[in-house]
Structure formats: structure tokens, C-alpha cells
């Protein structure tokens, strides 16, 4: 087994997502690369929040503060994803989609750097059973319908974000 397999696989997902966003920025008339990238990003966030982050926090409690920061940033990214999907789907949303694409690119640049430097190296140190579970998800799992990142979920008694 390669000791850095999980970190590399997670970083590879970052690069693929970035490439799809960049392709849309270069040719905004073709929304397919963007839609694929946004779907991949939502799935990637799901993978981190439901699998990676809990495993890391359990294995190394000192990682709880950086995990909390990543969760908060995921909510900000999620909001941008929602806005960008809406703007890209709207025929008159070209300028808005371009601005949101730039915003998302900057958000991901800062966010991904932290994950890749702080959290992903720890993924390669997970116990074998946990690492196997994560590898299995990376290879095959899909985002469940209706799943929303933890910090973007409405609190009890609050309307959903789209209703605000």
C-alpha cells in the first residue's frame, strides 16, 4: 500500500474540481464542466464531513479545531455553489456566474490549501479499517439526494436557506 494514497486521492479530487471550474471560466457558454465540477465538489464535501473529518477527529482529538474551521468554510462554499448553480442556469446570469466563479475559485484556493497541508496528511495515518472505508467511498460512493453540509443545515425552527 502506498502510504500517501488517501492524501493523493483527495488532492486529485481538488484538482479535477478546479479544472472543471476553470474550463467554465474560460468558456462560459459551456456549462457542462461547471455542473460536473459542482456535483463533484458537493460529493467531496460529503466525503469529508461524513467520513474523513469524524475519523480524523476520533484518531487525533487535536484536529477538532481545524475540522471546525473546515466545516464553517464548507457552509460558505455551499452557499456559493447554490448561487452559482442558479446563476449558471439563468440565461441572463452570465456576469453573475462569472463573478461567482471567481469567488468560488478564491474560496477553494484558500480552503484546499489548508486541507492539503493540515488534514490530508493525517488521512494516511488512519487505522487500516478506517482508511479502507474511506478508500471504498472514494472509489464508488455518491452524494445522497438532499444531503446538505453540516453548517449549511437550518437550525431547529429556522427556515431552510433557500427560503430565507
Protein backbone atom coordinates (compact mmCIF):
# COMPACT_ATOMS: atom_id res chain seq x y z
CA UNK A 1 0.00 0.00 0.00
CA UNK A 2 1.24 3.50 -0.78
CA UNK A 3 1.39 5.46 2.44
CA UNK A 4 0.21 8.64 0.75
CA UNK A 5 -2.62 7.11 -1.29
CA UNK A 6 -5.51 8.81 0.53
CA UNK A 7 -3.94 12.27 0.58
CA UNK A 8 -3.13 11.99 -3.12
CA UNK A 9 -6.63 10.80 -3.98
CA UNK A 10 -8.22 13.66 -2.05
CA UNK A 11 -5.90 16.22 -3.65
CA UNK A 12 -6.62 14.71 -7.06
CA UNK A 13 -10.33 15.40 -6.50
CA UNK A 14 -9.43 19.02 -5.71
CA UNK A 15 -7.52 19.31 -8.99
CA UNK A 16 -10.35 17.78 -11.04
CA UNK A 17 -12.89 20.14 -9.46
CA UNK A 18 -10.63 23.13 -10.06
CA UNK A 19 -10.16 22.10 -13.70
CA UNK A 20 -13.92 21.98 -14.30
CA UNK A 21 -14.40 25.41 -12.77
CA UNK A 22 -11.51 26.80 -14.82
CA UNK A 23 -12.97 25.30 -18.01
CA UNK A 24 -16.24 27.12 -17.37
CA UNK A 25 -14.42 30.37 -16.61
CA UNK A 26 -12.59 30.06 -19.94
CA UNK A 27 -15.72 29.14 -21.93
CA UNK A 28 -18.82 30.28 -20.01
CA UNK A 29 -21.12 29.14 -22.80
CA UNK A 30 -20.41 25.51 -21.92
CA UNK A 31 -21.97 24.81 -18.51
CA UNK A 32 -21.25 21.06 -18.52
CA UNK A 33 -17.74 21.26 -16.99
CA UNK A 34 -19.08 23.57 -14.28
CA UNK A 35 -22.07 21.36 -13.45
CA UNK A 36 -19.81 18.29 -13.23
CA UNK A 37 -17.33 20.18 -11.04
CA UNK A 38 -20.04 21.49 -8.70
CA UNK A 39 -21.53 18.00 -8.35
CA UNK A 40 -18.07 16.60 -7.65
CA UNK A 41 -17.43 19.34 -5.09
CA UNK A 42 -20.68 18.61 -3.25
CA UNK A 43 -19.79 14.90 -3.19
CA UNK A 44 -16.27 15.76 -1.99
CA UNK A 45 -17.66 17.87 0.86
CA UNK A 46 -19.96 14.98 1.79
CA UNK A 47 -16.99 12.59 1.83
CA UNK A 48 -15.06 14.89 4.13
CA UNK A 49 -17.90 15.70 6.52
CA UNK A 50 -19.40 12.23 6.82
CA UNK A 51 -16.25 10.10 6.62
CA UNK A 52 -12.88 11.86 6.76
CA UNK A 53 -13.42 14.53 9.41
CA UNK A 54 -15.06 12.25 12.00
CA UNK A 55 -12.32 9.66 11.50
CA UNK A 56 -9.59 12.28 11.90
CA UNK A 57 -11.19 13.89 14.96
CA UNK A 58 -11.55 10.47 16.59
CA UNK A 59 -7.98 9.42 15.79
CA UNK A 60 -6.45 12.76 16.77
CA UNK A 61 -8.63 15.00 19.01
CA UNK A 62 -6.24 17.94 18.49
CA UNK A 63 -7.60 18.16 14.93
CA UNK A 64 -11.05 19.22 16.17
CA UNK A 65 -10.33 22.99 15.79
CA UNK A 66 -9.11 22.76 12.16
CA UNK A 67 -12.03 20.44 11.35
CA UNK A 68 -14.43 23.04 12.79
CA UNK A 69 -12.89 25.71 10.54
CA UNK A 70 -13.27 23.43 7.51
CA UNK A 71 -16.93 22.81 8.35
CA UNK A 72 -17.58 26.54 8.60
CA UNK A 73 -15.82 27.15 5.28
CA UNK A 74 -17.82 24.33 3.69
CA UNK A 75 -21.02 26.22 4.56
CA UNK A 76 -19.66 29.36 2.89
CA UNK A 77 -18.63 27.35 -0.17
CA UNK A 78 -22.03 25.61 -0.20
CA UNK A 79 -23.80 28.98 -0.34
CA UNK A 80 -21.59 30.00 -3.27
CA UNK A 81 -22.36 26.69 -5.01
CA UNK A 82 -26.10 27.29 -4.65
CA UNK A 83 -25.80 30.83 -6.01
CA UNK A 84 -23.51 29.77 -8.86
CA UNK A 85 -25.78 26.92 -9.93
CA UNK A 86 -28.72 29.34 -10.03
CA UNK A 87 -26.77 31.99 -11.96
CA UNK A 88 -25.37 29.47 -14.45
CA UNK A 89 -28.84 28.04 -15.08
CA UNK A 90 -30.28 31.52 -15.70
CA UNK A 91 -29.71 32.66 -19.28
CA UNK A 92 -29.21 36.26 -18.11
CA UNK A 93 -26.88 35.36 -15.24
CA UNK A 94 -23.62 35.49 -17.22
CA UNK A 95 -21.94 38.32 -15.30
CA UNK A 96 -23.20 36.98 -12.00
CA UNK A 97 -21.97 33.48 -12.86
CA UNK A 98 -18.56 34.86 -13.81
CA UNK A 99 -18.28 36.78 -10.52
CA UNK A 100 -19.41 33.77 -8.51
CA UNK A 101 -16.96 31.55 -10.38
CA UNK A 102 -14.14 33.89 -9.36
CA UNK A 103 -15.44 33.94 -5.77
CA UNK A 104 -15.58 30.13 -5.64
CA UNK A 105 -12.09 29.86 -7.12
CA UNK A 106 -10.67 32.10 -4.38
CA UNK A 107 -12.60 30.27 -1.65
CA UNK A 108 -11.31 26.91 -2.85
CA UNK A 109 -7.75 28.15 -3.22
CA UNK A 110 -7.59 29.13 0.46
CA UNK A 111 -9.69 26.24 1.74
CA UNK A 112 -7.95 23.47 -0.21
CA UNK A 113 -4.51 24.68 0.82
CA UNK A 114 -5.43 24.23 4.50
CA UNK A 115 -6.94 20.79 3.95
CA UNK A 116 -3.97 19.61 1.91
CA UNK A 117 -1.38 20.88 4.41
CA UNK A 118 -3.11 20.12 7.72
CA UNK A 119 -5.74 17.38 7.36
CA UNK A 120 -4.96 15.24 4.33
CA UNK A 121 -1.52 14.09 5.53
CA UNK A 122 -3.28 12.72 8.62
CA UNK A 123 -5.59 10.63 6.42
CA UNK A 124 -2.60 8.49 5.54
CA UNK A 125 -2.10 7.79 9.25
CA UNK A 126 -5.62 6.45 9.87
CA UNK A 127 -6.04 2.90 11.16
CA UNK A 128 -6.32 0.35 8.34
CA UNK A 129 -10.07 -0.26 8.77
CA UNK A 130 -10.85 3.46 8.68
CA UNK A 131 -8.55 4.01 5.70
CA UNK A 132 -10.21 1.12 3.84
CA UNK A 133 -13.65 2.60 4.47
CA UNK A 134 -12.52 5.96 3.13
CA UNK A 135 -10.88 4.35 0.08
CA UNK A 136 -14.07 2.44 -0.65
CA UNK A 137 -16.11 5.63 -0.56
CA UNK A 138 -13.63 7.45 -2.78
CA UNK A 139 -13.95 4.69 -5.35
CA UNK A 140 -17.69 4.31 -5.50
CA UNK A 141 -19.97 6.38 -3.31
CA UNK A 142 -22.42 9.01 -4.46
CA UNK A 143 -23.85 12.06 -2.74
CA UNK A 144 -27.20 11.13 -1.14
CA UNK A 145 -30.16 13.06 -2.53
CA UNK A 146 -30.93 16.11 -0.44
CA UNK A 147 -27.73 15.98 1.61
CA UNK A 148 -26.52 19.42 2.77
CA UNK A 149 -23.25 20.19 4.52
CA UNK A 150 -23.46 20.33 8.30
CA UNK A 151 -23.07 24.08 8.85
CA UNK A 152 -25.46 24.94 5.97
CA UNK A 153 -28.35 22.98 7.52
CA UNK A 154 -31.10 25.04 9.11
CA UNK A 155 -31.24 25.05 12.87
CA UNK A 156 -34.36 23.77 14.54
CA UNK A 157 -37.16 26.25 13.92
CA UNK A 158 -35.28 28.16 11.19
CA UNK A 159 -36.38 28.13 7.57
CA UNK A 160 -34.12 26.40 5.07
CA UNK A 161 -31.51 28.70 3.48
CA UNK A 162 -33.39 28.85 0.17
CA UNK A 163 -36.49 30.12 2.00
CA UNK A 164 -34.74 32.99 3.79
